[in-house]
Amino acid sequence: MLRTIERVEAGSTVYANEASCWDIFHTRFKTKRINHSVQYADEVVCTNQAESFFSRLRRADIGTHHHDSGKYLHQYAREMAWREDYRRHPNGDQFLMIVGATMAHPVSENWKGYWQRAA
């Protein structure tokens, strides 16, 4: 969880449910919590957008990627975050962004020859 804290921008407000794993955020950030056993949203706190994202990530695991490896989960999640951020852009623009990023990026040490490695 510490790596997650390091990625949150200073001054951010963190919205979370009452799970104890989120307690560490109280040390550095303004944190607003919602108790799902009582309600799912109030006038201030709502985690529906995050829960919707995680739902789509699980669906991608089942329907697109077919059982993601935990070792690469962060990369699958980054892909889904990119899809979420650019979902309203035209497909042609998305294609050009992907091709441009692919052509500009060096060969990936993580993905190069992954199918040749032992499981």
N, C-alpha and C. Protein backbone atom coordinates (compact mmCIF):
# COMPACT_ATOMS: atom_id res chain seq x y z
N MET A 1 0.83 -1.19 0.00
CA MET A 1 0.00 0.00 0.00
C MET A 1 0.88 1.25 0.00
N LEU A 2 2.09 1.15 0.51
CA LEU A 2 2.96 2.32 0.55
C LEU A 2 3.24 2.85 -0.84
N ARG A 3 3.44 1.98 -1.82
CA ARG A 3 3.68 2.44 -3.19
C ARG A 3 2.48 3.22 -3.69
N THR A 4 1.27 2.83 -3.30
CA THR A 4 0.07 3.54 -3.72
C THR A 4 0.08 4.95 -3.15
N ILE A 5 0.44 5.09 -1.90
CA ILE A 5 0.50 6.41 -1.27
C ILE A 5 1.47 7.32 -2.01
N GLU A 6 2.58 6.79 -2.43
CA GLU A 6 3.58 7.59 -3.14
C GLU A 6 3.07 8.09 -4.48
N ARG A 7 2.04 7.47 -5.04
CA ARG A 7 1.52 7.87 -6.35
C ARG A 7 0.38 8.88 -6.25
N VAL A 8 -0.13 9.11 -5.06
CA VAL A 8 -1.23 10.06 -4.88
C VAL A 8 -0.63 11.46 -4.76
N GLU A 9 -1.17 12.38 -5.53
CA GLU A 9 -0.65 13.75 -5.54
C GLU A 9 -0.89 14.42 -4.20
N ALA A 10 0.10 15.14 -3.73
CA ALA A 10 -0.02 15.87 -2.47
C ALA A 10 -1.20 16.82 -2.55
N GLY A 11 -1.95 16.91 -1.47
CA GLY A 11 -3.11 17.78 -1.42
C GLY A 11 -4.39 17.14 -1.92
N SER A 12 -4.32 15.89 -2.38
CA SER A 12 -5.51 15.20 -2.88
C SER A 12 -6.43 14.80 -1.74
N THR A 13 -7.69 14.63 -2.06
CA THR A 13 -8.65 14.06 -1.14
C THR A 13 -8.90 12.62 -1.59
N VAL A 14 -8.76 11.68 -0.67
CA VAL A 14 -8.94 10.27 -0.97
C VAL A 14 -10.33 9.85 -0.50
N TYR A 15 -11.09 9.25 -1.41
CA TYR A 15 -12.42 8.73 -1.10
C TYR A 15 -12.31 7.22 -1.03
N ALA A 16 -12.83 6.63 0.04
CA ALA A 16 -12.69 5.18 0.21
C ALA A 16 -13.84 4.63 1.03
N ASN A 17 -13.93 3.30 1.04
CA ASN A 17 -14.90 2.66 1.91
C ASN A 17 -14.25 2.48 3.28
N GLU A 18 -14.89 1.75 4.16
CA GLU A 18 -14.42 1.61 5.54
C GLU A 18 -13.40 0.49 5.74
N ALA A 19 -12.94 -0.14 4.68
CA ALA A 19 -11.95 -1.21 4.83
C ALA A 19 -10.69 -0.67 5.51
N SER A 20 -10.14 -1.45 6.40
CA SER A 20 -9.00 -0.98 7.20
C SER A 20 -7.75 -0.73 6.36
N CYS A 21 -7.65 -1.31 5.17
CA CYS A 21 -6.46 -1.10 4.34
C CYS A 21 -6.30 0.36 3.91
N TRP A 22 -7.38 1.14 3.98
CA TRP A 22 -7.32 2.54 3.59
C TRP A 22 -6.92 3.45 4.74
N ASP A 23 -6.81 2.93 5.95
CA ASP A 23 -6.50 3.75 7.12
C ASP A 23 -5.18 4.52 6.97
N ILE A 24 -4.22 3.93 6.30
CA ILE A 24 -2.90 4.56 6.16
C ILE A 24 -2.97 5.90 5.42
N PHE A 25 -4.00 6.09 4.60
CA PHE A 25 -4.12 7.34 3.86
C PHE A 25 -4.42 8.52 4.78
N HIS A 26 -4.98 8.27 5.95
CA HIS A 26 -5.30 9.35 6.89
C HIS A 26 -4.05 10.08 7.36
N THR A 27 -2.90 9.43 7.28
CA THR A 27 -1.67 10.05 7.77
C THR A 27 -1.18 11.17 6.86
N ARG A 28 -1.53 11.13 5.56
CA ARG A 28 -0.99 12.11 4.63
C ARG A 28 -2.03 12.92 3.86
N PHE A 29 -3.26 12.44 3.83
CA PHE A 29 -4.25 13.06 2.96
C PHE A 29 -5.57 13.32 3.69
N LYS A 30 -6.31 14.28 3.17
CA LYS A 30 -7.69 14.44 3.61
C LYS A 30 -8.43 13.21 3.07
N THR A 31 -9.11 12.49 3.94
CA THR A 31 -9.74 11.23 3.56
C THR A 31 -11.21 11.26 3.93
N LYS A 32 -12.04 10.88 2.99
CA LYS A 32 -13.48 10.79 3.23
C LYS A 32 -13.89 9.35 3.02
N ARG A 33 -14.63 8.80 3.99
CA ARG A 33 -14.97 7.37 3.97
C ARG A 33 -16.48 7.18 3.92
N ILE A 34 -16.87 6.04 3.38
CA ILE A 34 -18.29 5.67 3.33
C ILE A 34 -18.42 4.25 3.86
N ASN A 35 -19.37 4.04 4.73
CA ASN A 35 -19.63 2.72 5.30
C ASN A 35 -20.70 2.05 4.45
N HIS A 36 -20.30 1.08 3.65
CA HIS A 36 -21.23 0.43 2.73
C HIS A 36 -22.28 -0.43 3.41
N SER A 37 -22.09 -0.76 4.66
CA SER A 37 -23.14 -1.52 5.35
C SER A 37 -24.31 -0.60 5.72
N VAL A 38 -24.07 0.72 5.67
CA VAL A 38 -25.12 1.69 5.98
C VAL A 38 -25.67 2.32 4.70
N GLN A 39 -24.78 2.76 3.82
CA GLN A 39 -25.20 3.42 2.58
C GLN A 39 -24.07 3.36 1.56
N TYR A 40 -24.38 3.61 0.31
CA TYR A 40 -23.37 3.59 -0.75
C TYR A 40 -22.92 4.97 -1.17
N ALA A 41 -23.65 5.98 -0.79
CA ALA A 41 -23.27 7.36 -1.10
C ALA A 41 -24.01 8.30 -0.16
N ASP A 42 -23.41 9.44 0.08
CA ASP A 42 -24.11 10.51 0.78
C ASP A 42 -23.84 11.81 0.02
N GLU A 43 -24.11 12.93 0.61
CA GLU A 43 -23.93 14.20 -0.10
C GLU A 43 -22.47 14.49 -0.44
N VAL A 44 -21.55 13.89 0.29
CA VAL A 44 -20.13 14.20 0.14
C VAL A 44 -19.32 13.04 -0.44
N VAL A 45 -19.58 11.83 0.01
CA VAL A 45 -18.73 10.69 -0.30
C VAL A 45 -19.46 9.70 -1.20
N CYS A 46 -18.76 9.28 -2.26
CA CYS A 46 -19.29 8.27 -3.16
C CYS A 46 -18.10 7.56 -3.81
N THR A 47 -18.11 6.25 -3.81
CA THR A 47 -17.03 5.48 -4.41
C THR A 47 -17.49 4.75 -5.67
N ASN A 48 -18.62 5.14 -6.22
CA ASN A 48 -19.17 4.43 -7.37
C ASN A 48 -18.26 4.43 -8.58
N GLN A 49 -17.57 5.53 -8.85
CA GLN A 49 -16.69 5.58 -10.01
C GLN A 49 -15.55 4.58 -9.87
N ALA A 50 -14.95 4.49 -8.70
CA ALA A 50 -13.88 3.53 -8.48
C ALA A 50 -14.40 2.10 -8.57
N GLU A 51 -15.56 1.85 -7.98
CA GLU A 51 -16.13 0.51 -8.04
C GLU A 51 -16.49 0.12 -9.46
N SER A 52 -16.96 1.08 -10.25
CA SER A 52 -17.27 0.83 -11.65
C SER A 52 -15.99 0.48 -12.42
N PHE A 53 -14.91 1.20 -12.15
CA PHE A 53 -13.63 0.90 -12.81
C PHE A 53 -13.17 -0.51 -12.46
N PHE A 54 -13.23 -0.88 -11.18
CA PHE A 54 -12.78 -2.21 -10.78
C PHE A 54 -13.67 -3.30 -11.39
N SER A 55 -14.94 -3.01 -11.54
CA SER A 55 -15.85 -3.96 -12.18
C SER A 55 -15.43 -4.18 -13.64
N ARG A 56 -15.12 -3.11 -14.35
CA ARG A 56 -14.68 -3.25 -15.75
C ARG A 56 -13.34 -3.95 -15.84
N LEU A 57 -12.46 -3.72 -14.86
CA LEU A 57 -11.18 -4.43 -14.83
C LEU A 57 -11.39 -5.93 -14.66
N ARG A 58 -12.31 -6.31 -13.77
CA ARG A 58 -12.63 -7.74 -13.60
C ARG A 58 -13.23 -8.33 -14.86
N ARG A 59 -14.12 -7.57 -15.53
CA ARG A 59 -14.72 -8.05 -16.78
C ARG A 59 -13.67 -8.22 -17.87
N ALA A 60 -12.68 -7.33 -17.93
CA ALA A 60 -11.61 -7.46 -18.91
C ALA A 60 -10.80 -8.72 -18.63
N ASP A 61 -10.60 -9.03 -17.36
CA ASP A 61 -9.88 -10.26 -16.99
C ASP A 61 -10.63 -11.48 -17.50
N ILE A 62 -11.94 -11.47 -17.38
CA ILE A 62 -12.74 -12.62 -17.79
C ILE A 62 -12.91 -12.66 -19.31
N GLY A 63 -13.24 -11.52 -19.91
CA GLY A 63 -13.65 -11.53 -21.31
C GLY A 63 -12.59 -11.17 -22.32
N THR A 64 -11.58 -10.40 -21.94
CA THR A 64 -10.57 -9.96 -22.91
C THR A 64 -9.24 -10.66 -22.68
N HIS A 65 -8.74 -10.60 -21.47
CA HIS A 65 -7.40 -11.12 -21.20
C HIS A 65 -7.40 -12.57 -20.74
N HIS A 66 -8.51 -13.06 -20.28
CA HIS A 66 -8.66 -14.45 -19.84
C HIS A 66 -7.68 -14.83 -18.73
N HIS A 67 -7.94 -14.32 -17.56
CA HIS A 67 -7.20 -14.65 -16.34
C HIS A 67 -5.81 -14.04 -16.32
N ASP A 68 -5.77 -12.77 -15.97
CA ASP A 68 -4.52 -12.02 -15.88
C ASP A 68 -3.58 -12.65 -14.87
N SER A 69 -2.32 -12.57 -15.15
CA SER A 69 -1.31 -12.99 -14.20
C SER A 69 -1.15 -11.88 -13.17
N GLY A 70 -1.10 -12.24 -11.90
CA GLY A 70 -0.90 -11.25 -10.85
C GLY A 70 0.38 -10.46 -11.05
N LYS A 71 1.38 -11.10 -11.65
CA LYS A 71 2.66 -10.45 -11.91
C LYS A 71 2.48 -9.23 -12.83
N TYR A 72 1.52 -9.29 -13.74
CA TYR A 72 1.32 -8.23 -14.71
C TYR A 72 0.05 -7.41 -14.45
N LEU A 73 -0.60 -7.61 -13.31
CA LEU A 73 -1.86 -6.95 -13.03
C LEU A 73 -1.76 -5.43 -13.13
N HIS A 74 -0.67 -4.87 -12.64
CA HIS A 74 -0.52 -3.41 -12.71
C HIS A 74 -0.52 -2.91 -14.15
N GLN A 75 0.00 -3.71 -15.08
CA GLN A 75 0.01 -3.29 -16.48
C GLN A 75 -1.38 -3.41 -17.10
N TYR A 76 -2.12 -4.45 -16.74
CA TYR A 76 -3.50 -4.57 -17.22
C TYR A 76 -4.34 -3.41 -16.66
N ALA A 77 -4.12 -3.07 -15.41
CA ALA A 77 -4.87 -1.98 -14.79
C ALA A 77 -4.53 -0.64 -15.46
N ARG A 78 -3.27 -0.45 -15.82
CA ARG A 78 -2.90 0.79 -16.52
C ARG A 78 -3.56 0.86 -17.90
N GLU A 79 -3.66 -0.28 -18.57
CA GLU A 79 -4.36 -0.30 -19.86
C GLU A 79 -5.81 0.11 -19.68
N MET A 80 -6.47 -0.47 -18.68
CA MET A 80 -7.88 -0.15 -18.45
C MET A 80 -8.04 1.32 -18.02
N ALA A 81 -7.08 1.85 -17.28
CA ALA A 81 -7.14 3.27 -16.91
C ALA A 81 -7.01 4.15 -18.15
N TRP A 82 -6.13 3.75 -19.08
CA TRP A 82 -5.98 4.50 -20.32
C TRP A 82 -7.29 4.47 -21.11
N ARG A 83 -7.90 3.28 -21.20
CA ARG A 83 -9.18 3.16 -21.90
C ARG A 83 -10.24 4.06 -21.25
N GLU A 84 -10.24 4.10 -19.94
CA GLU A 84 -11.20 4.93 -19.21
C GLU A 84 -10.96 6.42 -19.51
N ASP A 85 -9.70 6.84 -19.50
CA ASP A 85 -9.38 8.24 -19.72
C ASP A 85 -9.72 8.72 -21.14
N TYR A 86 -9.59 7.83 -22.13
CA TYR A 86 -9.77 8.22 -23.53
C TYR A 86 -11.01 7.62 -24.18
N ARG A 87 -11.94 7.12 -23.40
CA ARG A 87 -13.11 6.43 -23.94
C ARG A 87 -14.00 7.32 -24.80
N ARG A 88 -13.96 8.60 -24.61
CA ARG A 88 -14.81 9.50 -25.39
C ARG A 88 -14.09 10.11 -26.59
N HIS A 89 -12.84 9.73 -26.80
CA HIS A 89 -12.10 10.20 -27.97
C HIS A 89 -12.45 9.30 -29.16
N PRO A 90 -12.45 9.84 -30.36
CA PRO A 90 -12.74 9.00 -31.53
C PRO A 90 -11.74 7.85 -31.67
N ASN A 91 -12.22 6.74 -32.21
CA ASN A 91 -11.36 5.55 -32.37
C ASN A 91 -10.10 5.86 -33.17
N GLY A 92 -10.24 6.68 -34.22
CA GLY A 92 -9.07 7.03 -35.03
C GLY A 92 -8.01 7.75 -34.21
N ASP A 93 -8.44 8.65 -33.34
CA ASP A 93 -7.49 9.36 -32.48
C ASP A 93 -6.83 8.40 -31.49
N GLN A 94 -7.60 7.48 -30.93
CA GLN A 94 -7.04 6.48 -30.02
C GLN A 94 -5.99 5.64 -30.75
N PHE A 95 -6.33 5.22 -31.96
CA PHE A 95 -5.39 4.42 -32.76
C PHE A 95 -4.09 5.17 -32.97
N LEU A 96 -4.18 6.44 -33.35
CA LEU A 96 -2.97 7.23 -33.60
C LEU A 96 -2.15 7.41 -32.33
N MET A 97 -2.81 7.58 -31.17
CA MET A 97 -2.08 7.70 -29.91
C MET A 97 -1.33 6.41 -29.60
N ILE A 98 -2.00 5.27 -29.81
CA ILE A 98 -1.37 3.98 -29.52
C ILE A 98 -0.19 3.73 -30.44
N VAL A 99 -0.39 3.96 -31.74
CA VAL A 99 0.69 3.73 -32.71
C VAL A 99 1.86 4.68 -32.42
N GLY A 100 1.55 5.95 -32.14
CA GLY A 100 2.62 6.90 -31.83
C GLY A 100 3.40 6.50 -30.60
N ALA A 101 2.71 6.06 -29.54
CA ALA A 101 3.39 5.63 -28.32
C ALA A 101 4.21 4.37 -28.58
N THR A 102 3.67 3.46 -29.38
CA THR A 102 4.39 2.22 -29.70
C THR A 102 5.67 2.51 -30.47
N MET A 103 5.59 3.39 -31.43
CA MET A 103 6.76 3.70 -32.26
C MET A 103 7.83 4.47 -31.48
N ALA A 104 7.42 5.25 -30.50
CA ALA A 104 8.36 6.07 -29.73
C ALA A 104 9.00 5.31 -28.57
N HIS A 105 8.40 4.20 -28.16
CA HIS A 105 8.87 3.47 -26.97
C HIS A 105 9.92 2.44 -27.36
N PRO A 106 10.97 2.30 -26.55
CA PRO A 106 11.95 1.24 -26.83
C PRO A 106 11.34 -0.14 -26.59
N VAL A 107 12.03 -1.17 -26.99
CA VAL A 107 11.56 -2.54 -26.80
C VAL A 107 11.37 -2.80 -25.31
N SER A 108 10.22 -3.36 -24.95
CA SER A 108 9.89 -3.61 -23.55
C SER A 108 10.64 -4.83 -23.02
N GLU A 109 11.34 -4.63 -21.92
CA GLU A 109 12.02 -5.76 -21.27
C GLU A 109 11.01 -6.71 -20.61
N ASN A 110 9.84 -6.16 -20.21
CA ASN A 110 8.82 -6.99 -19.57
C ASN A 110 8.11 -7.90 -20.56
N TRP A 111 7.84 -7.40 -21.75
CA TRP A 111 7.00 -8.15 -22.69
C TRP A 111 7.80 -8.82 -23.81
N LYS A 112 9.02 -8.43 -24.04
CA LYS A 112 9.83 -9.02 -25.12
C LYS A 112 10.02 -10.51 -24.87
N GLY A 113 9.50 -11.34 -25.77
CA GLY A 113 9.68 -12.78 -25.67
C GLY A 113 8.96 -13.45 -24.52
N TYR A 114 7.91 -12.81 -23.97
CA TYR A 114 7.21 -13.40 -22.80
C TYR A 114 6.65 -14.78 -23.10
N TRP A 115 6.27 -15.05 -24.34
CA TRP A 115 5.68 -16.34 -24.68
C TRP A 115 6.74 -17.44 -24.71
N GLN A 116 8.03 -17.05 -24.70
CA GLN A 116 9.10 -18.03 -24.74
C GLN A 116 9.60 -18.40 -23.35
N ARG A 117 9.15 -17.68 -22.35
CA ARG A 117 9.61 -17.94 -20.99
C ARG A 117 8.85 -19.11 -20.38
N ALA A 118 9.50 -19.78 -19.47
CA ALA A 118 8.82 -20.86 -18.74
C ALA A 118 7.83 -20.24 -17.78
N ALA A 119 6.71 -20.90 -17.56
CA ALA A 119 5.65 -20.37 -16.70
C ALA A 119 6.03 -20.37 -15.27
